[in-house]
Amino acid sequence: LLIRGCGRTDFQQGDAEQLYDSIHSRIFTLPDDTKVYPGHDYKGRNISTVKEEHQFNPRLNKGKAEFVRIMAGLNLPHPKLMDIAVPANLRCGEQD
């Protein structure tokens, strides 16, 4: 979960259906006033609530099929350091 967004599912074995199910079953079932502190916000926002994300998150306030369609159509460029970061992530950051 990100504030008004969500993580990518187009690489590193991502799965849009699994992301949707996880957020909806683990986070959106919490009380509406539960504070969440998602990362990766580049607009200076560092806190939200379950209610705010459920209402205003433009991807996650859709049904599952629509969410999967949106995620499949993002066509985002690959991150600049993906060839370095992904192998490191798969090794849990352990050095050779």
PDB file of N, CA and C in Angstrom:
ATOM      1  N   LEU A   1       0.849  -1.184   0.000  1.00  0.00           N
ATOM      2  CA  LEU A   1       0.000   0.000   0.000  1.00  0.00           C
ATOM      3  C   LEU A   1       0.884   1.233   0.000  1.00  0.00           C
ATOM      4  N   LEU A   2       0.566   2.168  -0.869  1.00  0.00           N
ATOM      5  CA  LEU A   2       1.172   3.485  -0.873  1.00  0.00           C
ATOM      6  C   LEU A   2       0.045   4.492  -0.691  1.00  0.00           C
ATOM      7  N   ILE A   3       0.363   5.699  -0.275  1.00  0.00           N
ATOM      8  CA  ILE A   3      -0.683   6.703  -0.134  1.00  0.00           C
ATOM      9  C   ILE A   3      -1.210   7.038  -1.519  1.00  0.00           C
ATOM     10  N   ARG A   4      -2.476   6.769  -1.723  1.00  0.00           N
ATOM     11  CA  ARG A   4      -3.184   6.973  -2.989  1.00  0.00           C
ATOM     12  C   ARG A   4      -2.576   6.174  -4.134  1.00  0.00           C
ATOM     13  N   GLY A   5      -1.970   5.053  -3.820  1.00  0.00           N
ATOM     14  CA  GLY A   5      -1.389   4.196  -4.838  1.00  0.00           C
ATOM     15  C   GLY A   5      -1.066   2.825  -4.272  1.00  0.00           C
ATOM     16  N   CYS A   6      -0.275   2.080  -5.028  1.00  0.00           N
ATOM     17  CA  CYS A   6       0.163   0.767  -4.574  1.00  0.00           C
ATOM     18  C   CYS A   6       1.438   0.402  -5.323  1.00  0.00           C
ATOM     19  N   GLY A   7       2.118  -0.608  -4.836  1.00  0.00           N
ATOM     20  CA  GLY A   7       3.352  -1.046  -5.462  1.00  0.00           C
ATOM     21  C   GLY A   7       3.119  -1.660  -6.831  1.00  0.00           C
ATOM     22  N   ARG A   8       4.192  -1.745  -7.576  1.00  0.00           N
ATOM     23  CA  ARG A   8       4.150  -2.337  -8.909  1.00  0.00           C
ATOM     24  C   ARG A   8       4.012  -3.851  -8.814  1.00  0.00           C
ATOM     25  N   THR A   9       3.431  -4.418  -9.847  1.00  0.00           N
ATOM     26  CA  THR A   9       3.304  -5.877  -9.911  1.00  0.00           C
ATOM     27  C   THR A   9       3.812  -6.416 -11.238  1.00  0.00           C
ATOM     28  N   ASP A  10       4.519  -5.597 -11.993  1.00  0.00           N
ATOM     29  CA  ASP A  10       4.918  -5.979 -13.341  1.00  0.00           C
ATOM     30  C   ASP A  10       6.305  -6.608 -13.431  1.00  0.00           C
ATOM     31  N   PHE A  11       6.982  -6.806 -12.317  1.00  0.00           N
ATOM     32  CA  PHE A  11       8.274  -7.481 -12.317  1.00  0.00           C
ATOM     33  C   PHE A  11       8.521  -8.063 -10.934  1.00  0.00           C
ATOM     34  N   GLN A  12       9.594  -8.764 -10.792  1.00  0.00           N
ATOM     35  CA  GLN A  12       9.993  -9.365  -9.514  1.00  0.00           C
ATOM     36  C   GLN A  12       8.898 -10.289  -8.969  1.00  0.00           C
ATOM     37  N   GLN A  13       8.304 -11.047  -9.847  1.00  0.00           N
ATOM     38  CA  GLN A  13       7.287 -12.033  -9.519  1.00  0.00           C
ATOM     39  C   GLN A  13       6.036 -11.419  -8.887  1.00  0.00           C
ATOM     40  N   GLY A  14       5.725 -10.180  -9.278  1.00  0.00           N
ATOM     41  CA  GLY A  14       4.540  -9.504  -8.760  1.00  0.00           C
ATOM     42  C   GLY A  14       3.257 -10.144  -9.273  1.00  0.00           C
ATOM     43  N   ASP A  15       2.182  -9.966  -8.532  1.00  0.00           N
ATOM     44  CA  ASP A  15       0.895 -10.556  -8.889  1.00  0.00           C
ATOM     45  C   ASP A  15      -0.202  -9.587  -8.456  1.00  0.00           C
ATOM     46  N   ALA A  16      -0.862  -8.951  -9.416  1.00  0.00           N
ATOM     47  CA  ALA A  16      -1.875  -7.941  -9.110  1.00  0.00           C
ATOM     48  C   ALA A  16      -3.032  -8.516  -8.299  1.00  0.00           C
ATOM     49  N   GLU A  17      -3.467  -9.715  -8.628  1.00  0.00           N
ATOM     50  CA  GLU A  17      -4.570 -10.324  -7.869  1.00  0.00           C
ATOM     51  C   GLU A  17      -4.166 -10.561  -6.417  1.00  0.00           C
ATOM     52  N   GLN A  18      -2.970 -11.032  -6.216  1.00  0.00           N
ATOM     53  CA  GLN A  18      -2.490 -11.296  -4.856  1.00  0.00           C
ATOM     54  C   GLN A  18      -2.334  -9.990  -4.068  1.00  0.00           C
ATOM     55  N   LEU A  19      -1.841  -8.939  -4.720  1.00  0.00           N
ATOM     56  CA  LEU A  19      -1.712  -7.640  -4.054  1.00  0.00           C
ATOM     57  C   LEU A  19      -3.081  -7.120  -3.638  1.00  0.00           C
ATOM     58  N   TYR A  20      -4.036  -7.171  -4.548  1.00  0.00           N
ATOM     59  CA  TYR A  20      -5.396  -6.712  -4.256  1.00  0.00           C
ATOM     60  C   TYR A  20      -5.980  -7.485  -3.068  1.00  0.00           C
ATOM     61  N   ASP A  21      -5.888  -8.807  -3.135  1.00  0.00           N
ATOM     62  CA  ASP A  21      -6.434  -9.644  -2.058  1.00  0.00           C
ATOM     63  C   ASP A  21      -5.766  -9.344  -0.728  1.00  0.00           C
ATOM     64  N   SER A  22      -4.459  -9.161  -0.743  1.00  0.00           N
ATOM     65  CA  SER A  22      -3.716  -8.903   0.494  1.00  0.00           C
ATOM     66  C   SER A  22      -4.145  -7.582   1.128  1.00  0.00           C
ATOM     67  N   ILE A  23      -4.196  -6.533   0.342  1.00  0.00           N
ATOM     68  CA  ILE A  23      -4.581  -5.225   0.885  1.00  0.00           C
ATOM     69  C   ILE A  23      -6.028  -5.237   1.358  1.00  0.00           C
ATOM     70  N   HIS A  24      -6.911  -5.830   0.576  1.00  0.00           N
ATOM     71  CA  HIS A  24      -8.325  -5.831   0.941  1.00  0.00           C
ATOM     72  C   HIS A  24      -8.618  -6.731   2.143  1.00  0.00           C
ATOM     73  N   SER A  25      -7.872  -7.819   2.304  1.00  0.00           N
ATOM     74  CA  SER A  25      -8.159  -8.718   3.425  1.00  0.00           C
ATOM     75  C   SER A  25      -7.367  -8.387   4.685  1.00  0.00           C
ATOM     76  N   ARG A  26      -6.213  -7.750   4.537  1.00  0.00           N
ATOM     77  CA  ARG A  26      -5.369  -7.486   5.710  1.00  0.00           C
ATOM     78  C   ARG A  26      -5.402  -6.045   6.183  1.00  0.00           C
ATOM     79  N   ILE A  27      -5.590  -5.117   5.280  1.00  0.00           N
ATOM     80  CA  ILE A  27      -5.565  -3.703   5.663  1.00  0.00           C
ATOM     81  C   ILE A  27      -6.968  -3.108   5.661  1.00  0.00           C
ATOM     82  N   PHE A  28      -7.718  -3.311   4.597  1.00  0.00           N
ATOM     83  CA  PHE A  28      -9.036  -2.696   4.490  1.00  0.00           C
ATOM     84  C   PHE A  28     -10.069  -3.320   5.424  1.00  0.00           C
ATOM     85  N   THR A  29      -9.719  -4.371   6.124  1.00  0.00           N
ATOM     86  CA  THR A  29     -10.621  -4.944   7.126  1.00  0.00           C
ATOM     87  C   THR A  29     -10.372  -4.347   8.517  1.00  0.00           C
ATOM     88  N   LEU A  30      -9.321  -3.545   8.639  1.00  0.00           N
ATOM     89  CA  LEU A  30      -9.043  -2.871   9.907  1.00  0.00           C
ATOM     90  C   LEU A  30     -10.045  -1.739  10.109  1.00  0.00           C
ATOM     91  N   PRO A  31     -10.204  -1.254  11.345  1.00  0.00           N
ATOM     92  CA  PRO A  31     -11.125  -0.129  11.572  1.00  0.00           C
ATOM     93  C   PRO A  31     -10.763   1.070  10.694  1.00  0.00           C
ATOM     94  N   ASP A  32     -11.781   1.806  10.240  1.00  0.00           N
ATOM     95  CA  ASP A  32     -11.579   2.930   9.331  1.00  0.00           C
ATOM     96  C   ASP A  32     -10.590   3.970   9.845  1.00  0.00           C
ATOM     97  N   ASP A  33     -10.552   4.184  11.157  1.00  0.00           N
ATOM     98  CA  ASP A  33      -9.669   5.222  11.694  1.00  0.00           C
ATOM     99  C   ASP A  33      -8.243   4.729  11.952  1.00  0.00           C
ATOM    100  N   THR A  34      -7.935   3.504  11.556  1.00  0.00           N
ATOM    101  CA  THR A  34      -6.578   2.981  11.711  1.00  0.00           C
ATOM    102  C   THR A  34      -5.621   3.793  10.851  1.00  0.00           C
ATOM    103  N   LYS A  35      -4.564   4.286  11.473  1.00  0.00           N
ATOM    104  CA  LYS A  35      -3.559   5.060  10.752  1.00  0.00           C
ATOM    105  C   LYS A  35      -2.610   4.110  10.039  1.00  0.00           C
ATOM    106  N   VAL A  36      -2.258   4.467   8.809  1.00  0.00           N
ATOM    107  CA  VAL A  36      -1.282   3.697   8.039  1.00  0.00           C
ATOM    108  C   VAL A  36      -0.165   4.643   7.624  1.00  0.00           C
ATOM    109  N   TYR A  37       1.047   4.101   7.587  1.00  0.00           N
ATOM    110  CA  TYR A  37       2.237   4.882   7.270  1.00  0.00           C
ATOM    111  C   TYR A  37       2.965   4.250   6.086  1.00  0.00           C
ATOM    112  N   PRO A  38       2.358   4.306   4.901  1.00  0.00           N
ATOM    113  CA  PRO A  38       2.999   3.692   3.740  1.00  0.00           C
ATOM    114  C   PRO A  38       4.263   4.438   3.344  1.00  0.00           C
ATOM    115  N   GLY A  39       5.142   3.741   2.638  1.00  0.00           N
ATOM    116  CA  GLY A  39       6.379   4.354   2.170  1.00  0.00           C
ATOM    117  C   GLY A  39       6.280   4.820   0.736  1.00  0.00           C
ATOM    118  N   HIS A  40       7.379   5.321   0.230  1.00  0.00           N
ATOM    119  CA  HIS A  40       7.536   5.709  -1.176  1.00  0.00           C
ATOM    120  C   HIS A  40       6.611   6.820  -1.624  1.00  0.00           C
ATOM    121  N   ASP A  41       6.313   7.780  -0.763  1.00  0.00           N
ATOM    122  CA  ASP A  41       5.510   8.904  -1.207  1.00  0.00           C
ATOM    123  C   ASP A  41       6.439  10.070  -1.512  1.00  0.00           C
ATOM    124  N   TYR A  42       6.336  10.595  -2.709  1.00  0.00           N
ATOM    125  CA  TYR A  42       7.220  11.670  -3.140  1.00  0.00           C
ATOM    126  C   TYR A  42       6.540  13.031  -3.095  1.00  0.00           C
ATOM    127  N   LYS A  43       5.396  13.099  -2.437  1.00  0.00           N
ATOM    128  CA  LYS A  43       4.672  14.361  -2.323  1.00  0.00           C
ATOM    129  C   LYS A  43       4.631  14.857  -0.877  1.00  0.00           C
ATOM    130  N   GLY A  44       5.420  14.249  -0.016  1.00  0.00           N
ATOM    131  CA  GLY A  44       5.505  14.687   1.363  1.00  0.00           C
ATOM    132  C   GLY A  44       4.430  14.139   2.284  1.00  0.00           C
ATOM    133  N   ARG A  45       3.601  13.240   1.783  1.00  0.00           N
ATOM    134  CA  ARG A  45       2.565  12.648   2.629  1.00  0.00           C
ATOM    135  C   ARG A  45       3.159  11.422   3.316  1.00  0.00           C
ATOM    136  N   ASN A  46       2.970  11.315   4.613  1.00  0.00           N
ATOM    137  CA  ASN A  46       3.535  10.163   5.312  1.00  0.00           C
ATOM    138  C   ASN A  46       2.546   9.433   6.203  1.00  0.00           C
ATOM    139  N   ILE A  47       1.291   9.855   6.180  1.00  0.00           N
ATOM    140  CA  ILE A  47       0.278   9.177   6.990  1.00  0.00           C
ATOM    141  C   ILE A  47      -1.069   9.261   6.277  1.00  0.00           C
ATOM    142  N   SER A  48      -1.846   8.219   6.446  1.00  0.00           N
ATOM    143  CA  SER A  48      -3.197   8.162   5.898  1.00  0.00           C
ATOM    144  C   SER A  48      -4.009   7.300   6.858  1.00  0.00           C
ATOM    145  N   THR A  49      -5.237   7.013   6.501  1.00  0.00           N
ATOM    146  CA  THR A  49      -6.053   6.095   7.293  1.00  0.00           C
ATOM    147  C   THR A  49      -6.625   5.040   6.354  1.00  0.00           C
ATOM    148  N   VAL A  50      -7.094   3.967   6.948  1.00  0.00           N
ATOM    149  CA  VAL A  50      -7.735   2.917   6.160  1.00  0.00           C
ATOM    150  C   VAL A  50      -8.914   3.511   5.389  1.00  0.00           C
ATOM    151  N   LYS A  51      -9.706   4.337   6.054  1.00  0.00           N
ATOM    152  CA  LYS A  51     -10.870   4.929   5.394  1.00  0.00           C
ATOM    153  C   LYS A  51     -10.460   5.790   4.203  1.00  0.00           C
ATOM    154  N   GLU A  52      -9.437   6.633   4.380  1.00  0.00           N
ATOM    155  CA  GLU A  52      -8.991   7.495   3.287  1.00  0.00           C
ATOM    156  C   GLU A  52      -8.530   6.675   2.088  1.00  0.00           C
ATOM    157  N   GLU A  53      -7.734   5.636   2.336  1.00  0.00           N
ATOM    158  CA  GLU A  53      -7.227   4.831   1.225  1.00  0.00           C
ATOM    159  C   GLU A  53      -8.348   4.038   0.558  1.00  0.00           C
ATOM    160  N   HIS A  54      -9.274   3.556   1.367  1.00  0.00           N
ATOM    161  CA  HIS A  54     -10.396   2.811   0.800  1.00  0.00           C
ATOM    162  C   HIS A  54     -11.242   3.709  -0.093  1.00  0.00           C
ATOM    163  N   GLN A  55     -11.401   4.968   0.305  1.00  0.00           N
ATOM    164  CA  GLN A  55     -12.224   5.903  -0.465  1.00  0.00           C
ATOM    165  C   GLN A  55     -11.477   6.538  -1.633  1.00  0.00           C
ATOM    166  N   PHE A  56     -10.231   6.937  -1.413  1.00  0.00           N
ATOM    167  CA  PHE A  56      -9.558   7.823  -2.363  1.00  0.00           C
ATOM    168  C   PHE A  56      -8.408   7.191  -3.140  1.00  0.00           C
ATOM    169  N   ASN A  57      -8.036   5.957  -2.821  1.00  0.00           N
ATOM    170  CA  ASN A  57      -6.947   5.326  -3.565  1.00  0.00           C
ATOM    171  C   ASN A  57      -7.493   4.958  -4.945  1.00  0.00           C
ATOM    172  N   PRO A  58      -7.004   5.600  -6.009  1.00  0.00           N
ATOM    173  CA  PRO A  58      -7.628   5.446  -7.318  1.00  0.00           C
ATOM    174  C   PRO A  58      -7.532   4.049  -7.927  1.00  0.00           C
ATOM    175  N   ARG A  59      -6.635   3.237  -7.447  1.00  0.00           N
ATOM    176  CA  ARG A  59      -6.550   1.867  -7.956  1.00  0.00           C
ATOM    177  C   ARG A  59      -7.297   0.903  -7.053  1.00  0.00           C
ATOM    178  N   LEU A  60      -7.166   1.091  -5.757  1.00  0.00           N
ATOM    179  CA  LEU A  60      -7.680   0.097  -4.812  1.00  0.00           C
ATOM    180  C   LEU A  60      -9.146   0.286  -4.448  1.00  0.00           C
ATOM    181  N   ASN A  61      -9.766   1.372  -4.886  1.00  0.00           N
ATOM    182  CA  ASN A  61     -11.203   1.515  -4.608  1.00  0.00           C
ATOM    183  C   ASN A  61     -12.048   0.956  -5.742  1.00  0.00           C
ATOM    184  N   LYS A  62     -11.420   0.214  -6.627  1.00  0.00           N
ATOM    185  CA  LYS A  62     -12.102  -0.469  -7.735  1.00  0.00           C
ATOM    186  C   LYS A  62     -12.325  -1.933  -7.359  1.00  0.00           C
ATOM    187  N   GLY A  63     -13.097  -2.623  -8.162  1.00  0.00           N
ATOM    188  CA  GLY A  63     -13.230  -4.062  -7.993  1.00  0.00           C
ATOM    189  C   GLY A  63     -11.943  -4.756  -8.415  1.00  0.00           C
ATOM    190  N   LYS A  64     -11.826  -6.009  -8.063  1.00  0.00           N
ATOM    191  CA  LYS A  64     -10.602  -6.763  -8.330  1.00  0.00           C
ATOM    192  C   LYS A  64     -10.276  -6.854  -9.819  1.00  0.00           C
ATOM    193  N   ALA A  65     -11.254  -7.158 -10.648  1.00  0.00           N
ATOM    194  CA  ALA A  65     -11.007  -7.293 -12.089  1.00  0.00           C
ATOM    195  C   ALA A  65     -10.514  -5.975 -12.689  1.00  0.00           C
ATOM    196  N   GLU A  66     -11.113  -4.870 -12.278  1.00  0.00           N
ATOM    197  CA  GLU A  66     -10.692  -3.551 -12.767  1.00  0.00           C
ATOM    198  C   GLU A  66      -9.284  -3.225 -12.288  1.00  0.00           C
ATOM    199  N   PHE A  67      -8.982  -3.538 -11.037  1.00  0.00           N
ATOM    200  CA  PHE A  67      -7.644  -3.321 -10.493  1.00  0.00           C
ATOM    201  C   PHE A  67      -6.605  -4.085 -11.308  1.00  0.00           C
ATOM    202  N   VAL A  68      -6.872  -5.347 -11.587  1.00  0.00           N
ATOM    203  CA  VAL A  68      -5.931  -6.170 -12.361  1.00  0.00           C
ATOM    204  C   VAL A  68      -5.747  -5.587 -13.761  1.00  0.00           C
ATOM    205  N   ARG A  69      -6.831  -5.117 -14.373  1.00  0.00           N
ATOM    206  CA  ARG A  69      -6.745  -4.495 -15.702  1.00  0.00           C
ATOM    207  C   ARG A  69      -5.894  -3.225 -15.660  1.00  0.00           C
ATOM    208  N   ILE A  70      -6.116  -2.396 -14.649  1.00  0.00           N
ATOM    209  CA  ILE A  70      -5.340  -1.158 -14.496  1.00  0.00           C
ATOM    210  C   ILE A  70      -3.855  -1.477 -14.346  1.00  0.00           C
ATOM    211  N   MET A  71      -3.553  -2.422 -13.468  1.00  0.00           N
ATOM    212  CA  MET A  71      -2.145  -2.755 -13.206  1.00  0.00           C
ATOM    213  C   MET A  71      -1.470  -3.319 -14.458  1.00  0.00           C
ATOM    214  N   ALA A  72      -2.193  -4.103 -15.226  1.00  0.00           N
ATOM    215  CA  ALA A  72      -1.630  -4.685 -16.447  1.00  0.00           C
ATOM    216  C   ALA A  72      -1.387  -3.631 -17.514  1.00  0.00           C
ATOM    217  N   GLY A  73      -2.107  -2.525 -17.459  1.00  0.00           N
ATOM    218  CA  GLY A  73      -1.990  -1.501 -18.480  1.00  0.00           C
ATOM    219  C   GLY A  73      -1.136  -0.306 -18.119  1.00  0.00           C
ATOM    220  N   LEU A  74      -0.431  -0.349 -17.004  1.00  0.00           N
ATOM    221  CA  LEU A  74       0.361   0.808 -16.587  1.00  0.00           C
ATOM    222  C   LEU A  74       1.523   1.108 -17.530  1.00  0.00           C
ATOM    223  N   ASN A  75       2.119   0.077 -18.090  1.00  0.00           N
ATOM    224  CA  ASN A  75       3.239   0.239 -19.024  1.00  0.00           C
ATOM    225  C   ASN A  75       4.321   1.174 -18.495  1.00  0.00           C
ATOM    226  N   LEU A  76       4.737   0.923 -17.261  1.00  0.00           N
ATOM    227  CA  LEU A  76       5.772   1.745 -16.641  1.00  0.00           C
ATOM    228  C   LEU A  76       7.153   1.329 -17.127  1.00  0.00           C
ATOM    229  N   PRO A  77       8.080   2.288 -17.213  1.00  0.00           N
ATOM    230  CA  PRO A  77       9.449   1.912 -17.566  1.00  0.00           C
ATOM    231  C   PRO A  77      10.076   1.108 -16.427  1.00  0.00           C
ATOM    232  N   HIS A  78      11.006   0.255 -16.779  1.00  0.00           N
ATOM    233  CA  HIS A  78      11.701  -0.496 -15.736  1.00  0.00           C
ATOM    234  C   HIS A  78      12.559   0.448 -14.909  1.00  0.00           C
ATOM    235  N   PRO A  79      12.655   0.209 -13.601  1.00  0.00           N
ATOM    236  CA  PRO A  79      13.514   1.052 -12.760  1.00  0.00           C
ATOM    237  C   PRO A  79      14.953   1.022 -13.270  1.00  0.00           C
ATOM    238  N   LYS A  80      15.651   2.143 -13.109  1.00  0.00           N
ATOM    239  CA  LYS A  80      17.011   2.286 -13.635  1.00  0.00           C
ATOM    240  C   LYS A  80      17.975   1.236 -13.101  1.00  0.00           C
ATOM    241  N   LEU A  81      17.861   0.892 -11.842  1.00  0.00           N
ATOM    242  CA  LEU A  81      18.803  -0.052 -11.227  1.00  0.00           C
ATOM    243  C   LEU A  81      18.204  -1.446 -11.063  1.00  0.00           C
ATOM    244  N   MET A  82      17.186  -1.757 -11.855  1.00  0.00           N
ATOM    245  CA  MET A  82      16.498  -3.031 -11.696  1.00  0.00           C
ATOM    246  C   MET A  82      17.434  -4.232 -11.840  1.00  0.00           C
ATOM    247  N   ASP A  83      18.359  -4.172 -12.775  1.00  0.00           N
ATOM    248  CA  ASP A  83      19.256  -5.306 -12.992  1.00  0.00           C
ATOM    249  C   ASP A  83      20.182  -5.543 -11.805  1.00  0.00           C
ATOM    250  N   ILE A  84      20.349  -4.552 -10.966  1.00  0.00           N
ATOM    251  CA  ILE A  84      21.159  -4.688  -9.757  1.00  0.00           C
ATOM    252  C   ILE A  84      20.268  -4.994  -8.552  1.00  0.00           C
ATOM    253  N   ALA A  85      19.167  -4.252  -8.435  1.00  0.00           N
ATOM    254  CA  ALA A  85      18.306  -4.360  -7.258  1.00  0.00           C
ATOM    255  C   ALA A  85      17.548  -5.678  -7.172  1.00  0.00           C
ATOM    256  N   VAL A  86      16.996  -6.150  -8.293  1.00  0.00           N
ATOM    257  CA  VAL A  86      16.193  -7.372  -8.250  1.00  0.00           C
ATOM    258  C   VAL A  86      17.023  -8.578  -7.824  1.00  0.00           C
ATOM    259  N   PRO A  87      18.198  -8.820  -8.415  1.00  0.00           N
ATOM    260  CA  PRO A  87      18.990  -9.955  -7.933  1.00  0.00           C
ATOM    261  C   PRO A  87      19.361  -9.824  -6.449  1.00  0.00           C
ATOM    262  N   ALA A  88      19.654  -8.612  -6.007  1.00  0.00           N
ATOM    263  CA  ALA A  88      19.975  -8.412  -4.587  1.00  0.00           C
ATOM    264  C   ALA A  88      18.768  -8.706  -3.717  1.00  0.00           C
ATOM    265  N   ASN A  89      17.579  -8.264  -4.160  1.00  0.00           N
ATOM    266  CA  ASN A  89      16.362  -8.555  -3.405  1.00  0.00           C
ATOM    267  C   ASN A  89      16.094 -10.046  -3.326  1.00  0.00           C
ATOM    268  N   LEU A  90      16.329 -10.746  -4.432  1.00  0.00           N
ATOM    269  CA  LEU A  90      16.089 -12.193  -4.451  1.00  0.00           C
ATOM    270  C   LEU A  90      17.054 -12.932  -3.528  1.00  0.00           C
ATOM    271  N   ARG A  91      18.214 -12.338  -3.285  1.00  0.00           N
ATOM    272  CA  ARG A  91      19.194 -12.924  -2.351  1.00  0.00           C
ATOM    273  C   ARG A  91      19.048 -12.345  -0.951  1.00  0.00           C
ATOM    274  N   CYS A  92      18.008 -11.558  -0.742  1.00  0.00           N
ATOM    275  CA  CYS A  92      17.761 -10.879   0.534  1.00  0.00           C
ATOM    276  C   CYS A  92      18.923  -9.958   0.885  1.00  0.00           C
ATOM    277  N   GLY A  93      19.549  -9.359  -0.127  1.00  0.00           N
ATOM    278  CA  GLY A  93      20.612  -8.396   0.100  1.00  0.00           C
ATOM    279  C   GLY A  93      21.963  -8.994   0.433  1.00  0.00           C
ATOM    280  N   GLU A  94      22.056 -10.314   0.484  1.00  0.00           N
ATOM    281  CA  GLU A  94      23.346 -10.946   0.826  1.00  0.00           C
ATOM    282  C   GLU A  94      24.342 -10.758  -0.309  1.00  0.00           C
ATOM    283  N   GLN A  95      25.563 -10.429   0.044  1.00  0.00           N
ATOM    284  CA  GLN A  95      26.634 -10.257  -0.914  1.00  0.00           C
ATOM    285  C   GLN A  95      27.212 -11.602  -1.296  1.00  0.00           C
ATOM    286  N   ASP A  96      27.750 -11.705  -2.523  1.00  0.00           N
ATOM    287  CA  ASP A  96      28.418 -12.936  -2.949  1.00  0.00           C
ATOM    288  C   ASP A  96      29.742 -13.109  -2.240  1.00  0.00           C
TER     289      ASP A  96
END
